[in-house]
């Protein structure tokens, strides 16, 4: 079953096409990451899916409904966490949740919300006293007040330190385990790689690619080989030099034929008595694929 299904979704402002014939498929219960540089059309696309902006043309179904109709059922089944929220700073976390749960006919219990977002110990703190990470968890708790089937997260960990980001990621994984479909926009490729079941990349309003991370890595079949040349006088064989990037003694080789390249490289190193320090072989990361596509 699809939580989101768009076909040839288009949004124009005069002669400018912010979203150009985008067809997205988001399965129920998955974490879906929508990626792209600033101005790619991500925000406009998500705002149409949320029902905050009208499409120019194309078909859009979110949980089987047209978001532009903004029905009560649609609003009750969709949660939204924006980059910034304007909640009252002098209320406590539990008071904020009491306020928002009263907007829904069948809300999640406040105890569940506090447990899911790890805010049990902070429930009686005023919002102004919460840390940045705790405030962001409260934002998610607010988004979950209506017990939504689908949650939109817009740049959820901007400004987080690495520890807070990892804690937040684990919370999002738990939401998926609970059956919630999550649509995530982020500029952190590591975040998308850690969380997402499916990723889609937009650029200049168009959908460039969409698929699981493993599918993307297979379709962009590049392996990275890196090592440090400790011998200042060592000269790589000409065929290896042609595919290498060298910076401050570190060598980077991107290749679709890692076995052959490694055979040539290690054979040369052994014959010359040269140690390939810190030799690493790895598939391309999502960030490397992303940057390669956007070149």
C-alpha atoms as a PDB file:
ATOM      1  CA  UNK A   1       0.000   0.000   0.000  1.00  0.00           C
ATOM      2  CA  UNK A   2       1.169   3.519  -0.797  1.00  0.00           C
ATOM      3  CA  UNK A   3       1.033   6.314   1.759  1.00  0.00           C
ATOM      4  CA  UNK A   4       1.922   8.854  -0.963  1.00  0.00           C
ATOM      5  CA  UNK A   5       1.380   8.509  -4.694  1.00  0.00           C
ATOM      6  CA  UNK A   6       1.997  11.399  -7.092  1.00  0.00           C
ATOM      7  CA  UNK A   7       1.911  11.337 -10.861  1.00  0.00           C
ATOM      8  CA  UNK A   8       3.379  14.148 -12.973  1.00  0.00           C
ATOM      9  CA  UNK A   9       3.024  16.579 -10.058  1.00  0.00           C
ATOM     10  CA  UNK A  10       3.747  20.104 -11.302  1.00  0.00           C
ATOM     11  CA  UNK A  11       3.798  23.533  -9.671  1.00  0.00           C
ATOM     12  CA  UNK A  12       4.314  26.705 -11.707  1.00  0.00           C
ATOM     13  CA  UNK A  13       4.728  30.318 -10.684  1.00  0.00           C
ATOM     14  CA  UNK A  14       4.246  32.177 -13.945  1.00  0.00           C
ATOM     15  CA  UNK A  15       6.910  30.845 -16.290  1.00  0.00           C
ATOM     16  CA  UNK A  16       8.904  29.275 -13.448  1.00  0.00           C
ATOM     17  CA  UNK A  17       8.407  25.571 -12.752  1.00  0.00           C
ATOM     18  CA  UNK A  18       9.207  24.939  -9.098  1.00  0.00           C
ATOM     19  CA  UNK A  19       8.116  21.295  -9.414  1.00  0.00           C
ATOM     20  CA  UNK A  20       8.332  19.640 -12.812  1.00  0.00           C
ATOM     21  CA  UNK A  21       6.367  16.410 -13.429  1.00  0.00           C
ATOM     22  CA  UNK A  22       7.405  14.659 -10.200  1.00  0.00           C
ATOM     23  CA  UNK A  23       6.114  11.121  -9.582  1.00  0.00           C
ATOM     24  CA  UNK A  24       6.784   9.844  -6.055  1.00  0.00           C
ATOM     25  CA  UNK A  25       5.874   6.526  -4.447  1.00  0.00           C
ATOM     26  CA  UNK A  26       6.075   6.231  -0.655  1.00  0.00           C
ATOM     27  CA  UNK A  27       5.102   2.916   0.895  1.00  0.00           C
ATOM     28  CA  UNK A  28       3.211   2.718   4.163  1.00  0.00           C
ATOM     29  CA  UNK A  29       5.449   2.151   7.179  1.00  0.00           C
ATOM     30  CA  UNK A  30       8.724   3.263   5.581  1.00  0.00           C
ATOM     31  CA  UNK A  31      11.074   6.170   6.176  1.00  0.00           C
ATOM     32  CA  UNK A  32      11.352   8.145   2.949  1.00  0.00           C
ATOM     33  CA  UNK A  33      14.048  10.809   2.501  1.00  0.00           C
ATOM     34  CA  UNK A  34      13.550  13.587  -0.044  1.00  0.00           C
ATOM     35  CA  UNK A  35      16.944  15.101  -0.854  1.00  0.00           C
ATOM     36  CA  UNK A  36      18.292  17.899  -2.997  1.00  0.00           C
ATOM     37  CA  UNK A  37      20.115  21.236  -2.891  1.00  0.00           C
ATOM     38  CA  UNK A  38      18.437  24.496  -1.930  1.00  0.00           C
ATOM     39  CA  UNK A  39      15.979  25.515  -4.632  1.00  0.00           C
ATOM     40  CA  UNK A  40      15.508  21.939  -5.861  1.00  0.00           C
ATOM     41  CA  UNK A  41      11.746  22.008  -5.246  1.00  0.00           C
ATOM     42  CA  UNK A  42      11.671  19.833  -2.111  1.00  0.00           C
ATOM     43  CA  UNK A  43       9.843  22.302   0.101  1.00  0.00           C
ATOM     44  CA  UNK A  44       7.212  23.104  -2.534  1.00  0.00           C
ATOM     45  CA  UNK A  45       6.630  19.384  -3.127  1.00  0.00           C
ATOM     46  CA  UNK A  46       6.258  18.645   0.581  1.00  0.00           C
ATOM     47  CA  UNK A  47       3.929  21.633   1.108  1.00  0.00           C
ATOM     48  CA  UNK A  48       1.653  20.273  -1.642  1.00  0.00           C
ATOM     49  CA  UNK A  49       1.679  16.855   0.029  1.00  0.00           C
ATOM     50  CA  UNK A  50       0.836  18.489   3.372  1.00  0.00           C
ATOM     51  CA  UNK A  51      -2.070  20.396   1.847  1.00  0.00           C
ATOM     52  CA  UNK A  52      -0.505  23.812   2.425  1.00  0.00           C
ATOM     53  CA  UNK A  53       0.044  24.605  -1.249  1.00  0.00           C
ATOM     54  CA  UNK A  54      -2.025  23.860  -4.358  1.00  0.00           C
ATOM     55  CA  UNK A  55      -0.600  21.976  -7.322  1.00  0.00           C
ATOM     56  CA  UNK A  56      -0.765  23.389 -10.833  1.00  0.00           C
ATOM     57  CA  UNK A  57      -1.330  19.998 -12.448  1.00  0.00           C
ATOM     58  CA  UNK A  58      -0.798  16.287 -11.956  1.00  0.00           C
ATOM     59  CA  UNK A  59      -2.255  13.798  -9.510  1.00  0.00           C
ATOM     60  CA  UNK A  60      -1.613  13.637  -5.758  1.00  0.00           C
ATOM     61  CA  UNK A  61      -2.882  11.107  -3.259  1.00  0.00           C
ATOM     62  CA  UNK A  62      -1.790  11.133   0.378  1.00  0.00           C
ATOM     63  CA  UNK A  63      -3.238   8.298   2.470  1.00  0.00           C
ATOM     64  CA  UNK A  64      -5.695   7.860  -0.393  1.00  0.00           C
ATOM     65  CA  UNK A  65      -6.937  11.463  -0.117  1.00  0.00           C
ATOM     66  CA  UNK A  66      -6.443  14.687  -2.035  1.00  0.00           C
ATOM     67  CA  UNK A  67      -4.487  16.942   0.358  1.00  0.00           C
ATOM     68  CA  UNK A  68      -5.836  20.093  -1.321  1.00  0.00           C
ATOM     69  CA  UNK A  69      -9.296  19.302   0.076  1.00  0.00           C
ATOM     70  CA  UNK A  70      -7.845  19.678   3.598  1.00  0.00           C
ATOM     71  CA  UNK A  71     -10.488  17.408   5.094  1.00  0.00           C
ATOM     72  CA  UNK A  72     -10.801  16.769   8.816  1.00  0.00           C
ATOM     73  CA  UNK A  73      -9.816  13.129   8.258  1.00  0.00           C
ATOM     74  CA  UNK A  74      -6.714  14.180   6.353  1.00  0.00           C
ATOM     75  CA  UNK A  75      -5.604  16.621   9.071  1.00  0.00           C
ATOM     76  CA  UNK A  76      -6.174  14.031  11.777  1.00  0.00           C
ATOM     77  CA  UNK A  77      -4.039  11.391  10.016  1.00  0.00           C
ATOM     78  CA  UNK A  78      -1.067  13.586   9.094  1.00  0.00           C
ATOM     79  CA  UNK A  79       1.517  15.042  11.489  1.00  0.00           C
ATOM     80  CA  UNK A  80       3.892  17.849  10.541  1.00  0.00           C
ATOM     81  CA  UNK A  81       7.143  18.930  12.209  1.00  0.00           C
ATOM     82  CA  UNK A  82       8.453  22.173  10.723  1.00  0.00           C
ATOM     83  CA  UNK A  83      12.012  23.496  10.959  1.00  0.00           C
ATOM     84  CA  UNK A  84      10.876  26.057  13.527  1.00  0.00           C
ATOM     85  CA  UNK A  85       7.831  26.154  15.776  1.00  0.00           C
ATOM     86  CA  UNK A  86       6.322  28.955  17.843  1.00  0.00           C
ATOM     87  CA  UNK A  87       5.178  27.131  20.957  1.00  0.00           C
ATOM     88  CA  UNK A  88       4.679  28.976  24.250  1.00  0.00           C
ATOM     89  CA  UNK A  89       8.004  29.134  26.092  1.00  0.00           C
ATOM     90  CA  UNK A  90       6.532  29.466  29.601  1.00  0.00           C
ATOM     91  CA  UNK A  91       4.367  26.348  29.542  1.00  0.00           C
ATOM     92  CA  UNK A  92       5.777  22.988  30.592  1.00  0.00           C
ATOM     93  CA  UNK A  93       6.215  20.162  28.122  1.00  0.00           C
ATOM     94  CA  UNK A  94       3.229  18.278  29.535  1.00  0.00           C
ATOM     95  CA  UNK A  95       1.054  21.415  29.416  1.00  0.00           C
ATOM     96  CA  UNK A  96       1.952  21.881  25.737  1.00  0.00           C
ATOM     97  CA  UNK A  97       0.971  18.295  24.989  1.00  0.00           C
ATOM     98  CA  UNK A  98      -2.285  18.628  26.941  1.00  0.00           C
ATOM     99  CA  UNK A  99      -3.094  21.663  24.813  1.00  0.00           C
ATOM    100  CA  UNK A 100      -2.398  19.960  21.475  1.00  0.00           C
ATOM    101  CA  UNK A 101      -3.978  16.581  22.252  1.00  0.00           C
ATOM    102  CA  UNK A 102      -7.247  18.414  22.966  1.00  0.00           C
ATOM    103  CA  UNK A 103      -7.409  19.327  19.260  1.00  0.00           C
ATOM    104  CA  UNK A 104      -8.004  15.685  18.251  1.00  0.00           C
ATOM    105  CA  UNK A 105     -10.865  13.241  18.732  1.00  0.00           C
ATOM    106  CA  UNK A 106      -8.580  10.233  19.226  1.00  0.00           C
ATOM    107  CA  UNK A 107      -5.190  11.536  20.386  1.00  0.00           C
ATOM    108  CA  UNK A 108      -2.264   9.538  21.637  1.00  0.00           C
ATOM    109  CA  UNK A 109      -2.003   9.495  25.398  1.00  0.00           C
ATOM    110  CA  UNK A 110       0.395  12.036  26.851  1.00  0.00           C
ATOM    111  CA  UNK A 111       2.286   9.274  28.669  1.00  0.00           C
ATOM    112  CA  UNK A 112       2.860   7.503  25.326  1.00  0.00           C
ATOM    113  CA  UNK A 113       4.050  10.734  23.700  1.00  0.00           C
ATOM    114  CA  UNK A 114       6.501  11.412  26.515  1.00  0.00           C
ATOM    115  CA  UNK A 115       7.822   7.834  26.404  1.00  0.00           C
ATOM    116  CA  UNK A 116       8.143   7.742  22.607  1.00  0.00           C
ATOM    117  CA  UNK A 117      10.126  10.976  22.506  1.00  0.00           C
ATOM    118  CA  UNK A 118      12.170  10.368  25.663  1.00  0.00           C
ATOM    119  CA  UNK A 119      10.770  13.359  27.543  1.00  0.00           C
ATOM    120  CA  UNK A 120       9.462  11.657  30.689  1.00  0.00           C
ATOM    121  CA  UNK A 121      12.052  13.336  32.916  1.00  0.00           C
ATOM    122  CA  UNK A 122      11.556  16.731  31.260  1.00  0.00           C
ATOM    123  CA  UNK A 123       7.744  16.747  31.285  1.00  0.00           C
ATOM    124  CA  UNK A 124       7.478  19.364  34.041  1.00  0.00           C
ATOM    125  CA  UNK A 125      10.186  21.653  32.664  1.00  0.00           C
ATOM    126  CA  UNK A 126       9.169  24.894  31.000  1.00  0.00           C
ATOM    127  CA  UNK A 127       9.898  24.920  27.286  1.00  0.00           C
ATOM    128  CA  UNK A 128      12.427  27.756  27.695  1.00  0.00           C
ATOM    129  CA  UNK A 129      14.475  25.501  30.011  1.00  0.00           C
ATOM    130  CA  UNK A 130      14.709  22.607  27.556  1.00  0.00           C
ATOM    131  CA  UNK A 131      17.855  21.994  25.527  1.00  0.00           C
ATOM    132  CA  UNK A 132      17.784  22.287  21.746  1.00  0.00           C
ATOM    133  CA  UNK A 133      17.496  18.530  21.331  1.00  0.00           C
ATOM    134  CA  UNK A 134      14.741  18.285  23.935  1.00  0.00           C
ATOM    135  CA  UNK A 135      12.771  21.062  22.233  1.00  0.00           C
ATOM    136  CA  UNK A 136      13.058  19.223  18.935  1.00  0.00           C
ATOM    137  CA  UNK A 137      11.765  16.034  20.567  1.00  0.00           C
ATOM    138  CA  UNK A 138       8.853  18.069  21.912  1.00  0.00           C
ATOM    139  CA  UNK A 139       8.182  19.307  18.361  1.00  0.00           C
ATOM    140  CA  UNK A 140       7.935  15.663  17.270  1.00  0.00           C
ATOM    141  CA  UNK A 141       5.677  14.845  20.215  1.00  0.00           C
ATOM    142  CA  UNK A 142       3.354  17.660  19.097  1.00  0.00           C
ATOM    143  CA  UNK A 143       3.386  16.253  15.565  1.00  0.00           C
ATOM    144  CA  UNK A 144       2.364  12.867  16.984  1.00  0.00           C
ATOM    145  CA  UNK A 145      -0.463  14.167  19.193  1.00  0.00           C
ATOM    146  CA  UNK A 146      -3.158  13.116  16.728  1.00  0.00           C
ATOM    147  CA  UNK A 147      -1.689   9.615  16.419  1.00  0.00           C
ATOM    148  CA  UNK A 148      -0.926  10.204  12.702  1.00  0.00           C
ATOM    149  CA  UNK A 149      -0.332   7.515  10.122  1.00  0.00           C
ATOM    150  CA  UNK A 150       2.086   9.816   8.274  1.00  0.00           C
ATOM    151  CA  UNK A 151       4.644  12.221   9.753  1.00  0.00           C
ATOM    152  CA  UNK A 152       6.508  14.920   7.818  1.00  0.00           C
ATOM    153  CA  UNK A 153       9.882  15.944   9.274  1.00  0.00           C
ATOM    154  CA  UNK A 154      11.543  19.053   7.819  1.00  0.00           C
ATOM    155  CA  UNK A 155      15.289  19.297   8.578  1.00  0.00           C
ATOM    156  CA  UNK A 156      14.722  17.778  12.035  1.00  0.00           C
ATOM    157  CA  UNK A 157      18.313  17.781  13.364  1.00  0.00           C
ATOM    158  CA  UNK A 158      19.726  21.082  12.086  1.00  0.00           C
ATOM    159  CA  UNK A 159      22.047  22.492  14.744  1.00  0.00           C
ATOM    160  CA  UNK A 160      22.292  19.255  16.734  1.00  0.00           C
ATOM    161  CA  UNK A 161      25.582  17.996  18.116  1.00  0.00           C
ATOM    162  CA  UNK A 162      26.524  14.438  17.007  1.00  0.00           C
ATOM    163  CA  UNK A 163      25.301  12.808  20.216  1.00  0.00           C
ATOM    164  CA  UNK A 164      21.903  14.541  20.144  1.00  0.00           C
ATOM    165  CA  UNK A 165      21.541  13.697  16.454  1.00  0.00           C
ATOM    166  CA  UNK A 166      22.108   9.978  17.087  1.00  0.00           C
ATOM    167  CA  UNK A 167      19.584   9.998  19.927  1.00  0.00           C
ATOM    168  CA  UNK A 168      17.044  11.670  17.658  1.00  0.00           C
ATOM    169  CA  UNK A 169      17.696   9.138  14.892  1.00  0.00           C
ATOM    170  CA  UNK A 170      16.938   6.284  17.270  1.00  0.00           C
ATOM    171  CA  UNK A 171      13.634   7.945  18.132  1.00  0.00           C
ATOM    172  CA  UNK A 172      12.703   8.146  14.435  1.00  0.00           C
ATOM    173  CA  UNK A 173      13.593   4.462  13.985  1.00  0.00           C
ATOM    174  CA  UNK A 174      11.232   3.676  16.868  1.00  0.00           C
ATOM    175  CA  UNK A 175       8.427   5.587  15.129  1.00  0.00           C
ATOM    176  CA  UNK A 176       8.883   3.375  12.085  1.00  0.00           C
ATOM    177  CA  UNK A 177       8.801   0.280  14.279  1.00  0.00           C
ATOM    178  CA  UNK A 178       5.507   1.595  15.666  1.00  0.00           C
ATOM    179  CA  UNK A 179       4.076   1.659  12.110  1.00  0.00           C
ATOM    180  CA  UNK A 180       4.329   5.381  11.352  1.00  0.00           C
ATOM    181  CA  UNK A 181       5.284   6.396   7.819  1.00  0.00           C
ATOM    182  CA  UNK A 182       7.927   9.142   7.922  1.00  0.00           C
ATOM    183  CA  UNK A 183       8.808  11.588   5.136  1.00  0.00           C
ATOM    184  CA  UNK A 184      12.102  13.296   5.900  1.00  0.00           C
ATOM    185  CA  UNK A 185      13.825  16.243   4.243  1.00  0.00           C
ATOM    186  CA  UNK A 186      17.441  16.755   5.248  1.00  0.00           C
ATOM    187  CA  UNK A 187      20.756  18.133   4.043  1.00  0.00           C
ATOM    188  CA  UNK A 188      22.657  15.543   6.106  1.00  0.00           C
ATOM    189  CA  UNK A 189      23.443  12.632   3.809  1.00  0.00           C
ATOM    190  CA  UNK A 190      24.613  10.520   6.750  1.00  0.00           C
ATOM    191  CA  UNK A 191      21.189  11.057   8.331  1.00  0.00           C
ATOM    192  CA  UNK A 192      19.354   9.907   5.217  1.00  0.00           C
ATOM    193  CA  UNK A 193      21.698   6.926   4.837  1.00  0.00           C
ATOM    194  CA  UNK A 194      21.143   5.852   8.450  1.00  0.00           C
ATOM    195  CA  UNK A 195      17.373   6.327   8.529  1.00  0.00           C
ATOM    196  CA  UNK A 196      15.822   5.984   5.090  1.00  0.00           C
ATOM    197  CA  UNK A 197      14.408   2.885   3.467  1.00  0.00           C
ATOM    198  CA  UNK A 198      13.918   4.838   0.239  1.00  0.00           C
ATOM    199  CA  UNK A 199      15.570   8.030  -0.982  1.00  0.00           C
ATOM    200  CA  UNK A 200      14.566  10.404  -3.774  1.00  0.00           C
ATOM    201  CA  UNK A 201      16.781  13.151  -5.172  1.00  0.00           C
ATOM    202  CA  UNK A 202      15.368  16.327  -6.694  1.00  0.00           C
ATOM    203  CA  UNK A 203      17.230  19.007  -8.639  1.00  0.00           C
ATOM    204  CA  UNK A 204      15.884  22.024 -10.537  1.00  0.00           C
ATOM    205  CA  UNK A 205      12.332  20.909  -9.791  1.00  0.00           C
ATOM    206  CA  UNK A 206      12.764  17.455 -11.316  1.00  0.00           C
ATOM    207  CA  UNK A 207      12.993  14.027  -9.747  1.00  0.00           C
ATOM    208  CA  UNK A 208      16.472  12.785 -10.642  1.00  0.00           C
ATOM    209  CA  UNK A 209      16.387   9.353  -9.021  1.00  0.00           C
ATOM    210  CA  UNK A 210      14.348   7.318  -6.536  1.00  0.00           C
ATOM    211  CA  UNK A 211      14.943   3.943  -4.926  1.00  0.00           C
ATOM    212  CA  UNK A 212      16.333   2.074  -1.959  1.00  0.00           C
ATOM    213  CA  UNK A 213      19.869   2.880  -0.878  1.00  0.00           C
ATOM    214  CA  UNK A 214      21.073  -0.535  -2.034  1.00  0.00           C
ATOM    215  CA  UNK A 215      19.446  -0.006  -5.433  1.00  0.00           C
ATOM    216  CA  UNK A 216      21.144   3.378  -5.794  1.00  0.00           C
ATOM    217  CA  UNK A 217      24.522   1.905  -4.892  1.00  0.00           C
ATOM    218  CA  UNK A 218      24.059  -0.859  -7.434  1.00  0.00           C
ATOM    219  CA  UNK A 219      22.964   1.545 -10.170  1.00  0.00           C
ATOM    220  CA  UNK A 220      25.900   3.847  -9.380  1.00  0.00           C
ATOM    221  CA  UNK A 221      28.390   0.997  -9.284  1.00  0.00           C
ATOM    222  CA  UNK A 222      31.448   2.773  -7.950  1.00  0.00           C
ATOM    223  CA  UNK A 223      33.929   1.480  -5.390  1.00  0.00           C
ATOM    224  CA  UNK A 224      36.360   3.788  -3.606  1.00  0.00           C
ATOM    225  CA  UNK A 225      39.924   2.686  -2.925  1.00  0.00           C
ATOM    226  CA  UNK A 226      41.992   4.923  -0.658  1.00  0.00           C
ATOM    227  CA  UNK A 227      45.491   4.599   0.750  1.00  0.00           C
ATOM    228  CA  UNK A 228      48.472   6.670   1.832  1.00  0.00           C
ATOM    229  CA  UNK A 229      51.734   6.598  -0.079  1.00  0.00           C
ATOM    230  CA  UNK A 230      54.466   6.788   2.550  1.00  0.00           C
ATOM    231  CA  UNK A 231      57.280   6.597   0.019  1.00  0.00           C
ATOM    232  CA  UNK A 232      57.847  10.146  -1.262  1.00  0.00           C
ATOM    233  CA  UNK A 233      59.762   8.799  -4.256  1.00  0.00           C
ATOM    234  CA  UNK A 234      57.115   6.229  -5.193  1.00  0.00           C
ATOM    235  CA  UNK A 235      55.517   6.743  -8.580  1.00  0.00           C
ATOM    236  CA  UNK A 236      52.262   4.973  -9.318  1.00  0.00           C
ATOM    237  CA  UNK A 237      51.987   3.005 -12.556  1.00  0.00           C
ATOM    238  CA  UNK A 238      50.679   5.158 -15.388  1.00  0.00           C
ATOM    239  CA  UNK A 239      47.359   3.305 -15.706  1.00  0.00           C
ATOM    240  CA  UNK A 240      46.750   3.743 -11.953  1.00  0.00           C
ATOM    241  CA  UNK A 241      47.753   7.418 -12.057  1.00  0.00           C
ATOM    242  CA  UNK A 242      45.157   8.079 -14.742  1.00  0.00           C
ATOM    243  CA  UNK A 243      42.287   7.075 -12.444  1.00  0.00           C
ATOM    244  CA  UNK A 244      43.731   8.465  -9.197  1.00  0.00           C
ATOM    245  CA  UNK A 245      43.263  11.682  -7.275  1.00  0.00           C
ATOM    246  CA  UNK A 246      46.208  12.479  -5.006  1.00  0.00           C
ATOM    247  CA  UNK A 247      46.171  15.053  -2.214  1.00  0.00           C
ATOM    248  CA  UNK A 248      48.806  15.376   0.528  1.00  0.00           C
ATOM    249  CA  UNK A 249      49.968  11.814   0.024  1.00  0.00           C
ATOM    250  CA  UNK A 250      46.460  10.338   0.111  1.00  0.00           C
ATOM    251  CA  UNK A 251      45.338   8.524  -3.024  1.00  0.00           C
ATOM    252  CA  UNK A 252      41.677   8.135  -4.018  1.00  0.00           C
ATOM    253  CA  UNK A 253      40.543   5.817  -6.800  1.00  0.00           C
ATOM    254  CA  UNK A 254      36.906   5.499  -7.858  1.00  0.00           C
ATOM    255  CA  UNK A 255      36.338   2.504 -10.091  1.00  0.00           C
ATOM    256  CA  UNK A 256      33.714   0.115 -11.413  1.00  0.00           C
ATOM    257  CA  UNK A 257      36.361  -2.657 -11.563  1.00  0.00           C
ATOM    258  CA  UNK A 258      37.779  -2.824  -8.028  1.00  0.00           C
ATOM    259  CA  UNK A 259      39.119  -6.386  -8.296  1.00  0.00           C
ATOM    260  CA  UNK A 260      41.262  -5.640 -11.347  1.00  0.00           C
ATOM    261  CA  UNK A 261      42.483  -2.310  -9.958  1.00  0.00           C
ATOM    262  CA  UNK A 262      43.393  -3.846  -6.598  1.00  0.00           C
ATOM    263  CA  UNK A 263      45.239  -6.675  -8.338  1.00  0.00           C
ATOM    264  CA  UNK A 264      47.334  -4.223 -10.370  1.00  0.00           C
ATOM    265  CA  UNK A 265      47.877  -1.920  -7.394  1.00  0.00           C
ATOM    266  CA  UNK A 266      48.915  -4.535  -4.855  1.00  0.00           C
ATOM    267  CA  UNK A 267      51.040  -6.367  -7.433  1.00  0.00           C
ATOM    268  CA  UNK A 268      52.934  -3.126  -8.127  1.00  0.00           C
ATOM    269  CA  UNK A 269      53.322  -2.358  -4.405  1.00  0.00           C
ATOM    270  CA  UNK A 270      54.690  -5.832  -3.642  1.00  0.00           C
ATOM    271  CA  UNK A 271      57.143  -5.741  -6.532  1.00  0.00           C
ATOM    272  CA  UNK A 272      58.382  -2.302  -5.451  1.00  0.00           C
ATOM    273  CA  UNK A 273      58.435  -3.164  -1.749  1.00  0.00           C
ATOM    274  CA  UNK A 274      56.021  -0.310  -0.953  1.00  0.00           C
ATOM    275  CA  UNK A 275      53.488  -0.368   1.874  1.00  0.00           C
ATOM    276  CA  UNK A 276      50.005   0.939   1.039  1.00  0.00           C
ATOM    277  CA  UNK A 277      49.240   2.454   4.427  1.00  0.00           C
ATOM    278  CA  UNK A 278      45.581   2.775   5.560  1.00  0.00           C
ATOM    279  CA  UNK A 279      44.330   0.879   2.518  1.00  0.00           C
ATOM    280  CA  UNK A 280      40.517   0.934   2.470  1.00  0.00           C
ATOM    281  CA  UNK A 281      38.010  -0.390  -0.039  1.00  0.00           C
ATOM    282  CA  UNK A 282      34.379   0.732   0.238  1.00  0.00           C
ATOM    283  CA  UNK A 283      31.229   1.206  -1.799  1.00  0.00           C
ATOM    284  CA  UNK A 284      30.217   4.779  -2.490  1.00  0.00           C
ATOM    285  CA  UNK A 285      28.354   6.533   0.292  1.00  0.00           C
ATOM    286  CA  UNK A 286      25.033   8.243  -0.330  1.00  0.00           C
ATOM    287  CA  UNK A 287      26.840  11.595  -0.131  1.00  0.00           C
ATOM    288  CA  UNK A 288      29.255  10.560  -2.874  1.00  0.00           C
ATOM    289  CA  UNK A 289      26.375   9.355  -5.065  1.00  0.00           C
ATOM    290  CA  UNK A 290      24.470  12.592  -4.361  1.00  0.00           C
ATOM    291  CA  UNK A 291      27.408  14.798  -5.293  1.00  0.00           C
ATOM    292  CA  UNK A 292      28.132  12.715  -8.384  1.00  0.00           C
ATOM    293  CA  UNK A 293      24.555  13.023  -9.638  1.00  0.00           C
ATOM    294  CA  UNK A 294      24.491  16.783  -9.088  1.00  0.00           C
ATOM    295  CA  UNK A 295      27.726  17.453 -11.015  1.00  0.00           C
END
